[in-house]
C-alpha cells in the first residue's frame, strides 16, 4: 500500500532540449510585493552599455522561502564537497532604470 501511495505522489517532469540548454546569468534583480517575488535573471557583459533580462521567475512568498532554503542547502552541500565559495568584492554595477523624477 505504501508503494502505491508513493507512486501517486510522483510527478513526471519533462525537460525539452531547448530548456535543457539553460540560460547563463551573472546578475539577478529581485523585487517583491505582498503576493509575489519577481526574480529577473540578466546577462551583463563588461563594458556593454546595455543588458537584457534573459529569464523572469515569479514566485509566491511561500515558494520563495522554500527556494531560499533549497538553494542554501545546495550551497552548503557544494561547499562541503568543494570548499568555501569565495565572494569577491566587485564595484557596483551601474544600472540605469531610466529617468529619475525630481520634486
N, C-alpha and C. Protein backbone atom coordinates (compact mmCIF):
# COMPACT_ATOMS: atom_id res chain seq x y z
N UNK A 1 0.82 -1.20 0.00
CA UNK A 1 0.00 0.00 0.00
C UNK A 1 0.87 1.27 0.00
N UNK A 2 1.95 1.28 0.78
CA UNK A 2 2.83 2.45 0.84
C UNK A 2 3.49 2.71 -0.51
N UNK A 3 3.83 1.64 -1.24
CA UNK A 3 4.44 1.80 -2.56
C UNK A 3 3.46 2.44 -3.53
N UNK A 4 2.20 2.08 -3.44
CA UNK A 4 1.17 2.65 -4.31
C UNK A 4 0.97 4.14 -3.99
N UNK A 5 0.98 4.50 -2.70
CA UNK A 5 0.86 5.89 -2.32
C UNK A 5 2.04 6.70 -2.83
N UNK A 6 3.24 6.13 -2.78
CA UNK A 6 4.45 6.80 -3.26
C UNK A 6 4.34 7.07 -4.76
N UNK A 7 3.84 6.09 -5.52
CA UNK A 7 3.68 6.27 -6.97
C UNK A 7 2.68 7.38 -7.28
N UNK A 8 1.63 7.51 -6.46
CA UNK A 8 0.62 8.54 -6.68
C UNK A 8 1.19 9.93 -6.41
N UNK A 9 2.19 10.06 -5.55
CA UNK A 9 2.77 11.35 -5.20
C UNK A 9 3.85 11.79 -6.18
N UNK A 10 4.32 10.90 -7.06
CA UNK A 10 5.37 11.25 -8.01
C UNK A 10 4.81 12.14 -9.11
N UNK A 11 5.65 13.07 -9.55
CA UNK A 11 5.29 13.98 -10.65
C UNK A 11 6.25 13.73 -11.79
N UNK A 12 5.72 13.57 -12.98
CA UNK A 12 6.53 13.39 -14.17
C UNK A 12 6.86 14.77 -14.73
N UNK A 13 8.11 15.17 -14.63
CA UNK A 13 8.56 16.49 -15.09
C UNK A 13 9.33 16.32 -16.39
N UNK A 14 8.89 17.04 -17.42
CA UNK A 14 9.55 16.95 -18.72
C UNK A 14 10.46 18.16 -18.92
N UNK A 15 11.60 17.91 -19.53
CA UNK A 15 12.57 18.96 -19.83
C UNK A 15 12.94 18.83 -21.30
N UNK A 16 12.41 19.75 -22.14
CA UNK A 16 12.72 19.65 -23.56
C UNK A 16 14.15 20.13 -23.83
N UNK A 17 14.62 19.85 -25.03
CA UNK A 17 16.01 20.12 -25.39
C UNK A 17 16.38 21.60 -25.26
N UNK A 18 15.52 22.48 -25.72
CA UNK A 18 15.78 23.91 -25.67
C UNK A 18 15.92 24.39 -24.23
N UNK A 19 15.00 23.96 -23.36
CA UNK A 19 15.04 24.36 -21.95
C UNK A 19 16.25 23.76 -21.24
N UNK A 20 16.67 22.57 -21.65
CA UNK A 20 17.80 21.90 -21.02
C UNK A 20 19.11 22.65 -21.26
N UNK A 21 19.18 23.46 -22.31
CA UNK A 21 20.37 24.25 -22.58
C UNK A 21 20.61 25.27 -21.48
N UNK A 22 19.56 25.75 -20.86
CA UNK A 22 19.67 26.72 -19.79
C UNK A 22 20.00 28.11 -20.31
N UNK A 23 20.06 29.05 -19.39
CA UNK A 23 20.37 30.44 -19.70
C UNK A 23 21.43 30.90 -18.71
N UNK A 24 22.54 31.45 -19.21
CA UNK A 24 23.59 31.96 -18.34
C UNK A 24 23.16 33.31 -17.77
N UNK A 25 23.40 33.50 -16.49
CA UNK A 25 23.09 34.77 -15.84
C UNK A 25 24.20 35.11 -14.86
N UNK A 26 24.61 36.38 -14.85
CA UNK A 26 25.60 36.82 -13.87
C UNK A 26 25.08 37.99 -13.05
N UNK A 27 23.78 38.22 -13.13
CA UNK A 27 23.14 39.26 -12.34
C UNK A 27 21.68 38.89 -12.14
N UNK A 28 21.20 39.05 -10.93
CA UNK A 28 19.78 38.83 -10.65
C UNK A 28 19.24 40.04 -9.91
N UNK A 29 18.08 40.49 -10.32
CA UNK A 29 17.40 41.59 -9.64
C UNK A 29 16.11 41.02 -9.07
N UNK A 30 15.90 41.25 -7.79
CA UNK A 30 14.74 40.68 -7.11
C UNK A 30 13.86 41.81 -6.59
N UNK A 31 12.60 41.73 -6.93
CA UNK A 31 11.59 42.66 -6.42
C UNK A 31 10.47 41.84 -5.80
N UNK A 32 9.71 42.46 -4.93
CA UNK A 32 8.58 41.73 -4.34
C UNK A 32 7.42 42.67 -4.01
N UNK A 33 6.26 42.05 -3.94
CA UNK A 33 5.06 42.72 -3.47
C UNK A 33 4.49 41.84 -2.36
N UNK A 34 3.31 42.13 -1.90
CA UNK A 34 2.72 41.32 -0.84
C UNK A 34 2.41 39.91 -1.33
N UNK A 35 2.18 39.76 -2.62
CA UNK A 35 1.72 38.47 -3.13
C UNK A 35 2.73 37.70 -3.97
N UNK A 36 3.87 38.33 -4.35
CA UNK A 36 4.80 37.61 -5.22
C UNK A 36 6.21 38.17 -5.13
N UNK A 37 7.17 37.31 -5.48
CA UNK A 37 8.56 37.70 -5.66
C UNK A 37 8.85 37.57 -7.15
N UNK A 38 9.50 38.56 -7.72
CA UNK A 38 9.87 38.54 -9.13
C UNK A 38 11.39 38.55 -9.20
N UNK A 39 11.95 37.52 -9.84
CA UNK A 39 13.40 37.41 -9.99
C UNK A 39 13.73 37.51 -11.48
N UNK A 40 14.46 38.57 -11.84
CA UNK A 40 14.91 38.75 -13.22
C UNK A 40 16.36 38.32 -13.30
N UNK A 41 16.64 37.38 -14.21
CA UNK A 41 18.00 36.91 -14.44
C UNK A 41 18.54 37.61 -15.68
N UNK A 42 19.71 38.21 -15.53
CA UNK A 42 20.28 39.07 -16.57
C UNK A 42 21.70 38.62 -16.89
N UNK A 43 22.09 38.78 -18.15
CA UNK A 43 23.48 38.58 -18.54
C UNK A 43 24.03 39.94 -18.89
N UNK A 44 25.02 40.38 -18.11
CA UNK A 44 25.63 41.68 -18.36
C UNK A 44 27.09 41.46 -18.74
N UNK A 45 27.52 42.08 -19.82
CA UNK A 45 28.88 41.93 -20.29
C UNK A 45 29.69 43.17 -19.93
N UNK A 46 30.94 42.97 -19.49
CA UNK A 46 31.78 44.12 -19.13
C UNK A 46 31.89 45.11 -20.29
N UNK A 47 31.70 46.37 -19.97
CA UNK A 47 31.84 47.42 -20.98
C UNK A 47 30.61 47.63 -21.85
N UNK A 48 29.66 46.72 -21.79
CA UNK A 48 28.45 46.87 -22.61
C UNK A 48 27.52 47.87 -21.93
N UNK A 49 26.97 48.82 -22.70
CA UNK A 49 26.11 49.84 -22.10
C UNK A 49 24.70 49.33 -21.79
N UNK A 50 24.39 48.12 -22.23
CA UNK A 50 23.03 47.63 -22.13
C UNK A 50 23.04 46.15 -21.76
N UNK A 51 22.02 45.71 -21.06
CA UNK A 51 21.87 44.29 -20.74
C UNK A 51 20.40 43.93 -20.84
N UNK A 52 20.13 42.67 -21.16
CA UNK A 52 18.74 42.22 -21.31
C UNK A 52 18.39 41.20 -20.25
N UNK A 53 17.14 41.25 -19.83
CA UNK A 53 16.63 40.21 -18.95
C UNK A 53 16.51 38.95 -19.80
N UNK A 54 17.15 37.86 -19.35
CA UNK A 54 17.14 36.60 -20.09
C UNK A 54 16.02 35.68 -19.63
N UNK A 55 15.62 35.84 -18.35
CA UNK A 55 14.58 34.98 -17.81
C UNK A 55 13.96 35.68 -16.61
N UNK A 56 12.66 35.49 -16.43
CA UNK A 56 11.96 36.04 -15.26
C UNK A 56 11.22 34.89 -14.59
N UNK A 57 11.40 34.80 -13.28
CA UNK A 57 10.70 33.78 -12.49
C UNK A 57 9.86 34.51 -11.44
N UNK A 58 8.59 34.15 -11.38
CA UNK A 58 7.66 34.76 -10.42
C UNK A 58 7.25 33.68 -9.43
N UNK A 59 7.44 33.98 -8.14
CA UNK A 59 7.17 33.02 -7.07
C UNK A 59 6.21 33.60 -6.03
N UNK A 60 5.42 32.73 -5.43
CA UNK A 60 4.65 33.17 -4.26
C UNK A 60 5.63 33.34 -3.11
N UNK A 61 5.29 34.11 -2.08
CA UNK A 61 6.19 34.24 -0.94
C UNK A 61 6.56 32.89 -0.31
N UNK A 62 5.61 31.97 -0.24
CA UNK A 62 5.88 30.64 0.33
C UNK A 62 6.89 29.89 -0.52
N UNK A 63 6.74 29.94 -1.84
CA UNK A 63 7.69 29.25 -2.71
C UNK A 63 9.05 29.94 -2.72
N UNK A 64 9.07 31.27 -2.58
CA UNK A 64 10.35 31.99 -2.50
C UNK A 64 11.12 31.53 -1.26
N UNK A 65 10.42 31.35 -0.16
CA UNK A 65 11.08 30.90 1.07
C UNK A 65 11.59 29.47 0.93
N UNK A 66 10.79 28.60 0.28
CA UNK A 66 11.23 27.22 0.04
C UNK A 66 12.43 27.20 -0.90
N UNK A 67 12.42 28.07 -1.91
CA UNK A 67 13.54 28.16 -2.85
C UNK A 67 14.81 28.62 -2.13
N UNK A 68 14.67 29.62 -1.26
CA UNK A 68 15.80 30.11 -0.48
C UNK A 68 16.41 28.99 0.36
N UNK A 69 15.57 28.20 1.01
CA UNK A 69 16.05 27.08 1.83
C UNK A 69 16.74 26.04 0.96
N UNK A 70 16.13 25.70 -0.18
CA UNK A 70 16.71 24.68 -1.06
C UNK A 70 18.05 25.16 -1.63
N UNK A 71 18.14 26.42 -2.03
CA UNK A 71 19.38 26.96 -2.55
C UNK A 71 20.46 26.98 -1.47
N UNK A 72 20.09 27.38 -0.26
CA UNK A 72 21.03 27.39 0.85
C UNK A 72 21.53 25.98 1.16
N UNK A 73 20.64 25.00 1.16
CA UNK A 73 21.03 23.60 1.39
C UNK A 73 22.02 23.13 0.33
N UNK A 74 21.75 23.48 -0.93
CA UNK A 74 22.63 23.07 -2.02
C UNK A 74 23.99 23.76 -1.96
N UNK A 75 24.02 25.03 -1.61
CA UNK A 75 25.30 25.74 -1.47
C UNK A 75 26.11 25.10 -0.34
N UNK A 76 25.44 24.78 0.77
CA UNK A 76 26.16 24.14 1.89
C UNK A 76 26.74 22.79 1.47
N UNK A 77 25.97 21.99 0.74
CA UNK A 77 26.48 20.69 0.28
C UNK A 77 27.63 20.86 -0.70
N UNK A 78 27.52 21.86 -1.59
CA UNK A 78 28.60 22.14 -2.54
C UNK A 78 29.87 22.50 -1.78
N UNK A 79 29.75 23.38 -0.79
CA UNK A 79 30.93 23.81 -0.04
C UNK A 79 31.53 22.68 0.78
N UNK A 80 30.72 21.78 1.28
CA UNK A 80 31.25 20.62 2.00
C UNK A 80 32.08 19.74 1.06
N UNK A 81 31.64 19.64 -0.19
CA UNK A 81 32.33 18.78 -1.16
C UNK A 81 33.52 19.48 -1.81
N UNK A 82 33.45 20.81 -2.01
CA UNK A 82 34.45 21.50 -2.81
C UNK A 82 35.14 22.66 -2.12
N UNK A 83 34.78 22.95 -0.89
CA UNK A 83 35.39 24.07 -0.17
C UNK A 83 34.54 25.33 -0.27
N UNK A 84 34.91 26.29 0.54
CA UNK A 84 34.15 27.54 0.63
C UNK A 84 34.16 28.30 -0.71
N UNK A 85 33.01 28.78 -1.08
CA UNK A 85 32.88 29.61 -2.28
C UNK A 85 33.34 31.01 -1.89
N UNK A 86 34.34 31.52 -2.62
CA UNK A 86 34.85 32.86 -2.32
C UNK A 86 33.93 33.91 -2.91
N UNK A 87 33.65 34.92 -2.12
CA UNK A 87 32.80 36.02 -2.57
C UNK A 87 33.70 37.21 -2.86
N UNK A 88 34.04 37.42 -4.12
CA UNK A 88 34.94 38.51 -4.50
C UNK A 88 34.17 39.82 -4.51
N UNK A 89 34.75 40.82 -3.90
CA UNK A 89 34.14 42.15 -3.91
C UNK A 89 34.31 42.75 -5.30
N UNK A 90 33.23 43.26 -5.83
CA UNK A 90 33.27 43.91 -7.13
C UNK A 90 32.66 45.29 -7.01
N UNK A 91 33.12 46.21 -7.82
CA UNK A 91 32.48 47.53 -7.78
C UNK A 91 31.02 47.40 -8.18
N UNK A 92 30.15 48.23 -7.64
CA UNK A 92 28.74 48.14 -8.00
C UNK A 92 28.54 48.35 -9.50
N UNK A 93 27.63 47.60 -10.04
CA UNK A 93 27.33 47.70 -11.47
C UNK A 93 26.40 48.89 -11.68
N UNK A 94 26.78 49.81 -12.54
CA UNK A 94 25.86 50.93 -12.77
C UNK A 94 24.64 50.45 -13.53
N UNK A 95 23.51 50.55 -12.90
CA UNK A 95 22.27 50.13 -13.54
C UNK A 95 21.39 51.34 -13.72
N UNK A 96 21.04 51.61 -14.95
CA UNK A 96 20.21 52.77 -15.28
C UNK A 96 18.78 52.30 -15.53
N UNK A 97 17.90 52.65 -14.63
CA UNK A 97 16.49 52.26 -14.78
C UNK A 97 15.68 53.34 -15.48
N UNK A 98 16.33 54.25 -16.14
CA UNK A 98 15.62 55.29 -16.87
C UNK A 98 15.67 56.60 -16.10
N UNK A 99 14.93 57.59 -16.59
CA UNK A 99 14.98 58.92 -15.97
C UNK A 99 14.45 58.86 -14.53
N UNK A 100 15.05 59.67 -13.68
CA UNK A 100 14.58 59.74 -12.31
C UNK A 100 13.75 61.00 -12.15
N UNK A 101 12.77 60.93 -11.30
CA UNK A 101 11.89 62.07 -11.08
C UNK A 101 12.53 63.09 -10.15
N UNK A 102 12.11 64.33 -10.28
CA UNK A 102 12.59 65.38 -9.39
C UNK A 102 11.40 66.01 -8.72
N UNK A 103 11.58 66.38 -7.45
CA UNK A 103 10.48 67.00 -6.72
C UNK A 103 10.66 68.49 -6.65
